[in-house]
Protein backbone atom coordinates (compact mmCIF):
# COMPACT_ATOMS: atom_id res chain seq x y z
CA MET A 1 7.10 5.13 -28.24
CA ALA A 2 7.25 7.89 -25.65
CA PRO A 3 7.31 11.54 -26.79
CA SER A 4 10.41 13.70 -26.43
CA GLN A 5 8.92 15.37 -23.32
CA MET A 6 6.27 14.39 -20.77
CA LYS A 7 4.57 15.88 -17.74
CA GLY A 8 5.88 14.80 -14.35
CA ILE A 9 6.52 15.91 -10.78
CA LEU A 10 10.26 16.40 -10.43
CA ILE A 11 11.88 16.71 -7.00
CA GLU A 12 15.00 18.83 -7.56
CA LYS A 13 15.46 19.41 -3.84
CA PHE A 14 13.61 18.24 -0.75
CA LEU A 15 10.50 20.31 -0.01
CA LYS A 16 8.92 21.52 3.21
CA SER A 17 5.51 20.22 2.14
CA HIS A 18 3.52 18.84 -0.78
CA HIS A 19 2.05 22.32 -1.31
CA GLU A 20 5.33 23.26 -3.00
CA LEU A 21 5.08 20.61 -5.72
CA GLN A 22 5.41 21.78 -9.31
CA ILE A 23 4.34 20.09 -12.55
CA CYS A 24 7.26 20.05 -14.97
CA SER A 25 8.07 19.09 -18.54
CA VAL A 26 10.70 16.36 -18.28
CA PRO A 27 12.38 13.87 -20.61
CA PRO A 28 10.75 10.43 -20.75
CA PRO A 29 12.49 7.55 -18.95
CA LEU A 30 15.49 5.94 -20.62
CA ILE A 31 14.97 2.60 -22.34
CA GLY A 32 17.57 -0.16 -22.05
CA THR A 33 17.83 -3.78 -23.14
CA ASN A 34 16.05 -4.95 -19.96
CA THR A 35 13.51 -2.13 -19.80
CA LEU A 36 9.75 -2.32 -19.78
CA LEU A 37 8.32 1.03 -20.92
CA ILE A 38 4.81 1.70 -19.62
CA ARG A 39 2.35 4.46 -20.46
CA ILE A 40 0.79 5.30 -17.12
CA THR A 41 -3.01 5.27 -17.07
CA HIS A 42 -3.38 5.62 -13.30
CA THR A 43 -1.27 6.42 -10.27
CA SER A 44 -2.06 6.35 -6.55
CA PRO A 45 -0.37 8.60 -3.97
CA THR A 46 0.76 7.04 -0.69
CA HIS A 47 2.18 8.30 2.59
CA VAL A 48 5.59 7.14 1.35
CA ASP A 49 5.40 9.82 -1.36
CA LEU A 50 4.74 12.50 1.27
CA LEU A 51 7.86 11.37 3.15
CA TYR A 52 9.98 11.06 -0.01
CA LEU A 53 9.32 14.62 -1.16
CA ALA A 54 10.33 15.99 2.25
CA GLY A 55 13.40 13.79 2.67
CA LYS A 56 11.92 12.11 5.77
CA HIS A 57 11.88 8.50 4.58
CA GLN A 58 14.68 6.09 5.46
CA ASN A 59 15.21 5.48 1.72
CA ASN A 60 16.09 9.15 1.24
CA ARG A 61 19.48 8.42 2.79
CA ARG A 62 20.41 5.99 0.04
CA HIS A 63 18.00 5.36 -2.84
CA MET A 64 15.99 8.55 -3.08
CA ARG A 65 18.27 11.53 -3.49
CA PRO A 66 17.24 14.49 -5.68
CA PRO A 67 16.72 14.88 -8.52
CA PHE A 68 14.01 12.23 -8.95
CA ILE A 69 10.47 11.97 -10.26
CA LEU A 70 8.06 11.38 -7.38
CA GLY A 71 5.53 8.54 -7.21
CA THR A 72 5.66 4.78 -6.78
CA ASP A 73 2.31 2.98 -7.39
CA PHE A 74 0.93 2.85 -10.93
CA ALA A 75 -1.09 0.97 -13.51
CA GLY A 76 -0.68 1.33 -17.23
CA THR A 77 -0.22 -0.14 -20.68
CA VAL A 78 3.03 -1.64 -21.96
CA VAL A 79 4.52 0.41 -24.80
CA SER A 80 7.69 -1.59 -25.42
CA SER A 81 9.34 -4.61 -23.84
CA PRO A 82 12.44 -6.78 -24.18
CA ALA A 83 12.16 -9.85 -26.42
CA PHE A 84 12.42 -12.16 -23.39
CA SER A 85 9.61 -10.44 -21.46
CA PRO A 86 6.24 -12.17 -20.92
CA PHE A 87 4.66 -8.69 -21.20
CA LYS A 88 3.93 -7.45 -24.69
CA PRO A 89 2.93 -4.02 -26.04
CA GLY A 90 -0.72 -3.40 -25.24
CA ASP A 91 -0.75 -5.49 -22.04
CA ASN A 92 -2.29 -3.84 -18.98
CA VAL A 93 -0.02 -4.06 -15.95
CA PHE A 94 0.31 -2.61 -12.45
CA GLY A 95 3.03 -2.41 -9.88
CA VAL A 96 5.53 -0.18 -8.17
CA ALA A 97 8.42 1.78 -9.68
CA GLN A 98 10.05 5.07 -8.88
CA GLY A 99 8.80 7.86 -11.13
CA ALA A 100 5.09 7.03 -11.25
CA PHE A 101 3.92 10.67 -11.02
CA ALA A 102 4.43 11.12 -14.74
CA GLU A 103 2.99 10.05 -18.08
CA TYR A 104 5.49 7.21 -18.62
CA VAL A 105 7.58 5.01 -16.38
CA SER A 106 10.27 2.43 -17.07
CA VAL A 107 10.98 -0.73 -15.11
CA ASP A 108 14.16 -2.80 -15.26
CA VAL A 109 12.96 -6.40 -15.58
CA GLY A 110 16.36 -7.97 -16.08
CA LYS A 111 16.25 -9.56 -12.61
CA GLY A 112 12.62 -10.68 -12.60
CA TYR A 113 9.12 -9.20 -12.50
CA GLY A 114 8.49 -8.76 -8.78
CA SER A 115 7.57 -5.09 -9.15
CA VAL A 116 5.16 -5.52 -12.09
CA ARG A 117 2.16 -7.81 -12.53
CA ARG A 118 -0.55 -8.27 -15.12
CA VAL A 119 -3.89 -6.67 -14.21
CA PRO A 120 -6.15 -9.49 -12.86
CA ARG A 121 -9.02 -10.74 -14.99
CA GLY A 122 -12.13 -8.57 -14.65
CA TRP A 123 -10.26 -5.68 -13.02
CA THR A 124 -9.76 -2.22 -14.47
CA ASN A 125 -6.40 -0.50 -14.38
CA ALA A 126 -7.83 1.90 -11.80
CA GLU A 127 -8.75 -0.98 -9.49
CA ALA A 128 -5.38 -2.64 -9.92
CA CYS A 129 -3.67 0.65 -9.12
CA ALA A 130 -5.80 1.04 -5.98
CA VAL A 131 -4.58 -2.33 -4.74
CA GLY A 132 -1.04 -1.89 -6.04
CA VAL A 133 1.83 -3.21 -4.00
CA SER A 134 -0.38 -3.09 -0.87
CA GLY A 135 -1.55 -6.61 -1.64
CA ALA A 136 1.89 -8.19 -1.65
CA VAL A 137 3.02 -6.09 1.33
CA SER A 138 0.03 -7.12 3.43
CA TYR A 139 0.11 -10.78 2.42
CA GLY A 140 3.84 -10.99 3.21
CA ALA A 141 3.35 -9.20 6.54
CA LEU A 142 0.50 -11.44 7.68
CA ALA A 143 1.41 -14.82 6.18
CA ALA A 144 5.21 -14.74 6.28
CA ALA A 145 6.22 -12.25 8.98
CA ALA A 146 3.34 -12.68 11.47
CA GLN A 147 2.59 -16.34 10.62
CA LEU A 148 -1.13 -15.64 10.98
CA GLN A 149 -3.17 -18.82 11.48
CA LYS A 150 -6.79 -19.67 10.75
CA GLY A 151 -8.99 -18.84 13.77
CA GLU A 152 -6.62 -16.22 15.20
CA THR A 153 -7.61 -12.59 15.74
CA VAL A 154 -5.69 -9.85 13.97
CA LEU A 155 -5.97 -6.18 14.88
CA VAL A 156 -5.45 -3.95 11.82
CA LEU A 157 -4.40 -0.38 12.62
CA GLY A 158 -5.19 2.19 9.93
CA ALA A 159 -7.74 -0.26 8.57
CA GLY A 160 -9.44 2.36 6.38
CA GLY A 161 -6.26 3.24 4.49
CA GLY A 162 -4.69 1.74 1.38
CA LEU A 163 -2.70 -0.92 3.21
CA GLY A 164 -5.32 -1.53 5.87
CA VAL A 165 -8.32 -2.30 3.65
CA ILE A 166 -6.29 -4.94 1.80
CA ALA A 167 -4.82 -6.39 5.01
CA CYS A 168 -8.36 -6.84 6.39
CA GLN A 169 -9.46 -8.73 3.27
CA ILE A 170 -6.36 -10.93 3.25
CA ALA A 171 -6.80 -11.80 6.93
CA LEU A 172 -10.46 -12.68 6.35
CA ALA A 173 -9.51 -14.86 3.37
CA MET A 174 -7.00 -16.66 5.61
CA GLY A 175 -9.77 -17.50 8.06
CA ALA A 176 -8.86 -15.00 10.76
CA HIS A 177 -11.15 -12.81 12.85
CA VAL A 178 -10.44 -9.13 12.14
CA ILE A 179 -10.76 -6.04 14.33
CA GLY A 180 -10.30 -2.85 12.33
CA VAL A 181 -9.16 0.43 13.87
CA VAL A 182 -10.27 3.51 11.91
CA GLY A 183 -10.73 7.26 12.31
CA ASP A 184 -14.34 7.88 11.27
CA LYS A 185 -17.76 6.35 10.65
CA GLU A 186 -17.44 6.34 6.85
CA LYS A 187 -14.33 4.16 6.99
CA ALA A 188 -16.00 1.90 9.54
CA ALA A 189 -18.95 1.41 7.17
CA VAL A 190 -16.63 0.37 4.34
CA LEU A 191 -14.96 -2.22 6.56
CA ARG A 192 -18.28 -3.69 7.66
CA ARG A 193 -19.34 -4.06 4.03
CA MET A 194 -16.13 -6.03 3.47
CA GLY A 195 -17.08 -8.43 6.26
CA VAL A 196 -15.16 -6.95 9.21
CA GLU A 197 -17.53 -7.45 12.16
CA ASP A 198 -15.65 -5.48 14.83
CA VAL A 199 -14.52 -1.90 14.18
CA VAL A 200 -13.06 0.48 16.78
CA GLY A 201 -12.48 4.23 16.44
CA TYR A 202 -8.99 5.38 17.41
CA ASN A 203 -10.26 8.93 17.95
CA LEU A 204 -12.01 7.80 21.14
CA PRO A 205 -9.97 7.94 24.39
CA GLY A 206 -8.96 4.51 25.61
CA TRP A 207 -9.80 2.70 22.38
CA GLU A 208 -7.33 0.00 23.36
CA ASP A 209 -9.64 -0.92 26.27
CA LYS A 210 -12.46 -1.39 23.77
CA VAL A 211 -10.32 -3.88 21.85
CA LYS A 212 -9.51 -5.77 25.05
CA ALA A 213 -13.20 -5.80 25.98
CA LEU A 214 -14.08 -7.33 22.60
CA MET A 215 -11.51 -10.06 23.18
CA ALA A 216 -12.68 -10.62 26.77
CA GLU A 217 -16.15 -11.39 25.38
CA LYS A 218 -14.50 -14.25 23.50
CA GLY A 219 -12.68 -15.44 26.62
CA LYS A 220 -9.30 -14.12 25.48
CA GLU A 221 -6.91 -11.61 27.03
CA GLY A 222 -5.97 -9.87 23.79
CA VAL A 223 -5.46 -10.21 20.06
CA ASP A 224 -3.05 -12.72 18.55
CA VAL A 225 -1.54 -10.44 15.88
CA VAL A 226 -1.36 -6.68 15.29
CA TYR A 227 -0.79 -5.33 11.78
CA ASP A 228 0.66 -1.85 12.26
CA SER A 229 1.08 0.43 9.25
CA VAL A 230 0.66 3.68 11.19
CA GLY A 231 3.32 3.57 13.92
CA LYS A 232 1.46 2.73 17.13
CA VAL A 233 3.58 0.00 18.68
CA GLU A 234 2.81 0.93 22.28
CA SER A 235 -0.93 0.76 21.61
CA SER A 236 -0.36 -2.52 19.75
CA LEU A 237 1.30 -4.05 22.79
CA ARG A 238 -1.58 -2.97 25.05
CA CYS A 239 -4.01 -4.85 22.84
CA LEU A 240 -1.86 -7.96 22.47
CA ARG A 241 -2.29 -11.24 24.33
CA TYR A 242 0.70 -12.75 26.08
CA GLY A 243 2.95 -14.28 23.45
CA GLY A 244 1.26 -12.45 20.59
CA ARG A 245 2.96 -10.88 17.58
CA VAL A 246 3.20 -7.34 16.23
CA VAL A 247 4.25 -6.83 12.62
CA ILE A 248 5.31 -3.30 11.66
CA VAL A 249 4.95 -2.35 7.99
CA GLY A 250 5.12 1.46 8.18
CA PHE A 251 4.66 4.68 10.10
CA ALA A 252 1.94 6.54 8.17
CA ALA A 253 0.70 8.46 11.20
CA ARG A 254 4.07 9.74 12.41
CA ASN A 255 5.23 12.18 9.69
CA GLY A 256 8.76 10.89 9.95
CA VAL A 257 9.02 11.23 13.77
CA MET A 258 9.57 7.77 15.24
CA GLU A 259 7.90 6.37 18.34
CA LYS A 260 9.92 5.45 21.42
CA VAL A 261 8.71 2.28 23.16
CA GLY A 262 9.64 0.97 26.60
CA MET A 263 11.30 -2.40 26.00
CA ASN A 264 9.89 -3.71 29.28
CA ARG A 265 6.45 -3.76 27.64
CA ILE A 266 7.72 -6.26 25.06
CA LEU A 267 9.20 -8.41 27.83
CA LEU A 268 6.09 -8.30 30.03
CA LYS A 269 3.86 -9.37 27.13
CA GLY A 270 6.30 -12.01 25.89
CA ALA A 271 5.68 -10.33 22.56
CA GLY A 272 7.25 -10.88 19.19
CA VAL A 273 7.78 -7.62 17.31
CA VAL A 274 8.99 -7.87 13.71
CA GLY A 275 9.50 -5.26 11.04
CA TYR A 276 8.49 -6.17 7.51
CA ARG A 277 10.18 -3.89 4.98
CA PHE A 278 8.80 -5.19 1.71
CA GLY A 279 11.15 -3.41 -0.68
CA GLU A 280 14.32 -4.40 1.16
CA HIS A 281 13.04 -7.95 1.67
CA GLY A 282 12.54 -8.17 -2.10
CA ARG A 283 16.09 -7.00 -2.77
CA ARG A 284 17.57 -9.51 -0.34
CA HIS A 285 15.15 -12.41 -0.89
CA PRO A 286 13.72 -12.08 -4.41
CA GLU A 287 12.50 -15.69 -4.64
CA GLU A 288 10.50 -15.39 -1.39
CA THR A 289 9.00 -12.11 -2.54
CA GLU A 290 8.08 -13.62 -5.90
CA ALA A 291 6.22 -16.41 -4.06
CA ILE A 292 4.42 -13.83 -1.90
CA TRP A 293 3.30 -11.96 -5.02
CA ASP A 294 2.10 -15.23 -6.57
CA GLU A 295 0.01 -16.17 -3.51
CA PHE A 296 -1.57 -12.74 -3.34
CA MET A 297 -2.38 -12.79 -7.06
CA LYS A 298 -4.16 -16.13 -6.56
CA MET A 299 -6.37 -14.41 -3.96
CA ALA A 300 -7.09 -11.60 -6.39
CA GLU A 301 -7.87 -13.95 -9.27
CA ASN A 302 -10.19 -15.99 -7.00
CA GLY A 303 -12.24 -12.89 -6.14
CA ASN A 304 -11.16 -12.67 -2.48
CA ILE A 305 -9.83 -9.13 -2.91
CA LYS A 306 -11.82 -6.07 -3.92
CA ALA A 307 -10.28 -2.72 -4.72
CA VAL A 308 -11.41 0.18 -2.55
CA VAL A 309 -11.20 3.29 -4.72
CA TYR A 310 -11.87 6.62 -3.01
CA GLU A 311 -14.90 8.33 -4.52
CA GLU A 312 -13.21 11.65 -5.36
CA ARG A 313 -12.13 11.90 -9.00
CA TYR A 314 -8.67 13.17 -9.95
CA LYS A 315 -7.50 13.68 -13.54
CA GLY A 316 -4.07 14.38 -14.95
CA VAL A 317 -0.62 14.82 -13.46
CA GLN A 318 -1.71 18.31 -12.41
CA ASP A 319 -4.28 16.80 -10.02
CA ILE A 320 -1.77 14.66 -8.09
CA PRO A 321 -1.06 17.43 -5.50
CA ARG A 322 -4.78 17.62 -4.70
CA ALA A 323 -4.90 13.86 -4.17
CA LEU A 324 -1.85 14.09 -1.91
CA GLU A 325 -3.57 16.82 0.12
CA ASP A 326 -6.68 14.65 0.60
CA LEU A 327 -4.41 11.80 1.70
CA HIS A 328 -2.52 14.09 4.06
CA VAL A 329 -5.68 15.29 5.83
CA ARG A 330 -6.99 11.69 6.05
CA LYS A 331 -10.05 12.17 3.85
CA VAL A 332 -9.16 9.20 1.67
CA ILE A 333 -10.88 5.84 2.20
CA GLY A 334 -8.89 3.04 0.61
CA ARG A 335 -6.79 4.56 -2.15
CA ALA A 336 -7.04 7.83 -4.08
CA VAL A 337 -6.52 7.03 -7.76
CA VAL A 338 -5.48 9.66 -10.31
CA THR A 339 -6.38 9.02 -13.96
CA ILE A 340 -3.39 10.05 -16.07
CA SER A 341 -4.54 8.78 -19.48
CA GLU A 342 -7.33 6.71 -20.98
CA ASP A 343 -7.63 3.09 -19.89
CA SER A 344 -8.45 0.31 -22.36
CA SER A 345 -9.26 -2.19 -19.59
CA ALA A 346 -12.66 -3.71 -18.83
CA GLN A 347 -15.68 -2.12 -17.16
CA THR A 348 -15.45 -1.82 -13.36
CA VAL A 349 -16.80 -5.01 -11.77
CA ASN A 350 -14.72 -5.62 -8.67
CA SER A 351 -14.41 -2.41 -6.64
CA SER A 352 -15.99 -1.70 -3.28
CA LYS A 353 -18.91 0.72 -3.62
CA LEU A 354 -18.33 3.73 -1.40
């Protein structure tokens, strides 16, 4: 069972920046009749966490009001579970739950298991944490929201980040041609090792013209689909063919300040622009989200997905602010993973070598 106190990052009021974070001693999560209690072995900071702590995320208006323990993505070992649960004490699991920047987290599984999955065969907890909910988000965005088809070209913005590296692999597994947009040569090299042939740097002026030139070489006027997790809809539309689709999954590059887009651009391109909000979709359509998770897990079990764990090592709850800083300044390739406690899972066999 959990101790009477644990280390965690408690948000008692919204902060100006992650530099103000404090490590606290807090009570462990409450355990109910439908509760899965998990000892966290690893956690992975995301841009959502940076927005949550500052009160800049749309969920701060409703779900995420102080006080709360920060953190969402985790992997760990089940400590206790309801009698009806398929997870038993000692099982290694990963998923998403509020309060992951701590030593323990609890998940209400009374309405299903969409937020928690068993660690895939041959994966460590660290690798599963590095993939996290990004796999289901990206599969749902590409397969369900964008209706990506075999042979189409998908442009992945922020392709070197946690969502992007998984989206590239999913698109490749679906038989699509992928163009990745990244910020530096190191991230480009990782994508090429994953099988992404075309990589464009967004730090170069007019990078959208480079994308269009790549498509012109193939006799096409633009890409079929844009996967946008950074908040660059106007650039997405410039790269899109007539009648193409843009799927928006987040705004990692915007620090809470939203882009304004001329609607005439959508009309002139005959474009479809759809937002894919994974958490809300799961609340409204749990059966669809369960199926999305299942399809992604099949990809993972079949070896089509490899975790991309950033090479820097972080240890303990006290090191989470440093990982958030590296994420904030865009040093991280793939996902930064913080080791919270020892992991009993297998030797690393499936991660991308950086």
